Amino acid sequence: MGDWTERFKKTFTSMEEVMAASLREHLQGYLDSVPGVSIALVVGRDGFVIEAAHKGMGIDVEAIGAVVSTGMGSSEGIGKELKIGEMYQSMMEYKDGIIVMSAVGADAIFVIVATPDANIGNIRYQLKKRLPDIAKAI
């Protein structure tokens, strides 16, 4: 029976590794194919980063995860207070960049950070198009 348990553990670990690799590939694919995107990450609602891809900008993705989780919660609170329904996506434009956040089910947030000259329409289109694959990979 011990042999079966060890094989199960190895298989389970391998499945986790495959899922993580798949998510990483999706994020890297978004980063590589959408002009202007510098960071793509998935954050749990608890603020911990599930997976991230970035163009080596020296950014602390763990700090981004914590702030994004809080920001998404605040944005959702506004929608609840105004009784305008569930939030699907939030976008913020800053002097030096754009942040787009989208809910991935009840437990995660997909975050894109882009340059200020990035095509926002394309970012949102690609996000909507790729979100189902990212949800499956989590």
Protein backbone atom coordinates (compact mmCIF):
# COMPACT_ATOMS: atom_id res chain seq x y z
CA MET A 1 0.00 0.00 0.00
CA GLY A 2 2.92 2.36 0.66
CA ASP A 3 3.99 2.04 -2.99
CA TRP A 4 0.57 3.25 -4.19
CA THR A 5 0.68 6.23 -1.81
CA GLU A 6 4.09 7.30 -3.10
CA ARG A 7 2.94 7.04 -6.74
CA PHE A 8 -0.16 9.09 -5.89
CA LYS A 9 1.95 11.81 -4.25
CA LYS A 10 4.28 11.93 -7.26
CA THR A 11 1.34 12.11 -9.68
CA PHE A 12 -0.36 14.82 -7.62
CA THR A 13 2.84 16.87 -7.47
CA SER A 14 3.28 16.43 -11.22
CA MET A 15 -0.30 17.63 -11.84
CA GLU A 16 0.36 20.74 -9.72
CA GLU A 17 3.55 21.40 -11.67
CA VAL A 18 1.71 21.00 -15.00
CA MET A 19 -1.04 23.38 -13.89
CA ALA A 20 1.51 25.96 -12.71
CA ALA A 21 3.47 25.65 -15.95
CA SER A 22 0.28 26.07 -17.96
CA LEU A 23 -0.69 29.23 -16.06
CA ARG A 24 2.84 30.59 -16.41
CA GLU A 25 2.70 29.90 -20.17
CA HIS A 26 -0.64 31.74 -20.48
CA LEU A 27 0.72 34.76 -18.62
CA GLN A 28 3.95 34.79 -20.60
CA GLY A 29 1.95 34.44 -23.82
CA TYR A 30 -0.12 37.49 -22.89
CA LEU A 31 3.03 39.41 -22.04
CA ASP A 32 4.75 38.44 -25.31
CA SER A 33 1.82 38.99 -27.66
CA VAL A 34 0.09 42.13 -26.37
CA PRO A 35 2.15 45.26 -27.09
CA GLY A 36 2.80 47.51 -24.12
CA VAL A 37 2.09 44.92 -21.43
CA SER A 38 4.93 44.73 -18.92
CA ILE A 39 3.42 42.58 -16.14
CA ALA A 40 0.76 39.86 -16.14
CA LEU A 41 -0.10 38.15 -12.88
CA VAL A 42 -2.76 36.20 -11.10
CA VAL A 43 -3.38 37.08 -7.48
CA GLY A 44 -5.48 35.25 -4.92
CA ARG A 45 -8.15 37.23 -3.08
CA ASP A 46 -5.90 36.92 -0.03
CA GLY A 47 -3.25 39.03 -1.82
CA PHE A 48 -0.76 36.24 -2.46
CA VAL A 49 0.58 35.94 -6.00
CA ILE A 50 -0.41 32.66 -7.64
CA GLU A 51 1.75 33.18 -10.72
CA ALA A 52 3.41 36.10 -12.50
CA ALA A 53 5.25 36.99 -15.68
CA HIS A 54 7.05 40.28 -16.19
CA LYS A 55 9.66 41.94 -18.31
CA GLY A 56 12.29 42.16 -15.56
CA MET A 57 11.53 45.69 -14.42
CA GLY A 58 12.67 45.11 -10.84
CA ILE A 59 9.06 45.19 -9.63
CA ASP A 60 8.03 43.45 -6.41
CA VAL A 61 5.11 41.34 -7.67
CA GLU A 62 4.31 40.25 -4.11
CA ALA A 63 3.69 43.89 -3.15
CA ILE A 64 1.54 44.35 -6.26
CA GLY A 65 -0.49 41.30 -5.24
CA ALA A 66 -1.24 42.69 -1.80
CA VAL A 67 -2.24 46.11 -3.11
CA VAL A 68 -4.33 44.71 -5.98
CA SER A 69 -6.31 42.48 -3.64
CA THR A 70 -7.19 45.45 -1.45
CA GLY A 71 -8.00 47.65 -4.48
CA MET A 72 -10.26 45.03 -6.03
CA GLY A 73 -12.12 44.64 -2.75
CA SER A 74 -12.64 48.40 -2.53
CA SER A 75 -13.86 48.56 -6.13
CA GLU A 76 -16.30 45.72 -5.51
CA GLY A 77 -17.52 47.53 -2.39
CA ILE A 78 -18.38 50.59 -4.48
CA GLY A 79 -20.48 48.46 -6.83
CA LYS A 80 -22.32 46.82 -3.94
CA GLU A 81 -23.01 50.17 -2.29
CA LEU A 82 -24.38 51.60 -5.54
CA LYS A 83 -26.32 48.36 -6.20
CA ILE A 84 -24.97 48.10 -9.75
CA GLY A 85 -24.05 44.43 -9.65
CA GLU A 86 -20.95 42.32 -9.65
CA MET A 87 -17.69 43.83 -10.86
CA TYR A 88 -16.01 42.13 -13.81
CA GLN A 89 -13.14 44.45 -14.55
CA SER A 90 -11.47 47.56 -13.21
CA MET A 91 -9.04 49.84 -15.01
CA MET A 92 -6.88 52.64 -13.67
CA GLU A 93 -4.77 55.00 -15.71
CA TYR A 94 -1.76 56.68 -14.18
CA LYS A 95 0.82 59.07 -15.56
CA ASP A 96 3.29 56.26 -16.24
CA GLY A 97 1.05 53.25 -16.76
CA ILE A 98 -2.24 51.43 -16.91
CA ILE A 99 -3.53 48.72 -14.58
CA VAL A 100 -6.39 46.41 -15.56
CA MET A 101 -7.82 43.95 -13.04
CA SER A 102 -10.38 41.27 -13.77
CA ALA A 103 -12.01 38.76 -11.48
CA VAL A 104 -11.16 35.12 -12.19
CA GLY A 105 -14.00 33.33 -10.46
CA ALA A 106 -14.50 33.98 -6.77
CA ASP A 107 -10.94 33.33 -5.67
CA ALA A 108 -8.50 35.12 -7.97
CA ILE A 109 -7.73 38.33 -9.86
CA PHE A 110 -5.98 38.61 -13.23
CA VAL A 111 -3.84 41.77 -13.34
CA ILE A 112 -2.23 43.49 -16.30
CA VAL A 113 0.21 46.39 -16.00
CA ALA A 114 0.97 48.24 -19.22
CA THR A 115 2.71 51.33 -20.53
CA PRO A 116 0.64 54.51 -20.90
CA ASP A 117 0.75 54.29 -24.70
CA ALA A 118 -0.57 50.71 -24.82
CA ASN A 119 -3.81 50.10 -26.72
CA ILE A 120 -6.38 49.79 -23.93
CA GLY A 121 -8.97 48.32 -26.27
CA ASN A 122 -6.61 45.53 -27.29
CA ILE A 123 -5.61 44.86 -23.68
CA ARG A 124 -9.25 44.51 -22.65
CA TYR A 125 -10.12 42.41 -25.73
CA GLN A 126 -7.19 40.05 -25.15
CA LEU A 127 -8.01 39.82 -21.44
CA LYS A 128 -11.61 38.85 -22.13
CA LYS A 129 -10.53 36.37 -24.80
CA ARG A 130 -7.88 34.68 -22.61
CA LEU A 131 -9.64 34.76 -19.24
CA PRO A 132 -11.34 31.35 -19.65
CA ASP A 133 -7.99 29.65 -20.33
CA ILE A 134 -6.42 31.37 -17.35
CA ALA A 135 -9.34 30.31 -15.13
CA LYS A 136 -8.89 26.69 -16.24
CA ALA A 137 -5.16 26.81 -15.49
CA ILE A 138 -5.58 27.99 -11.90
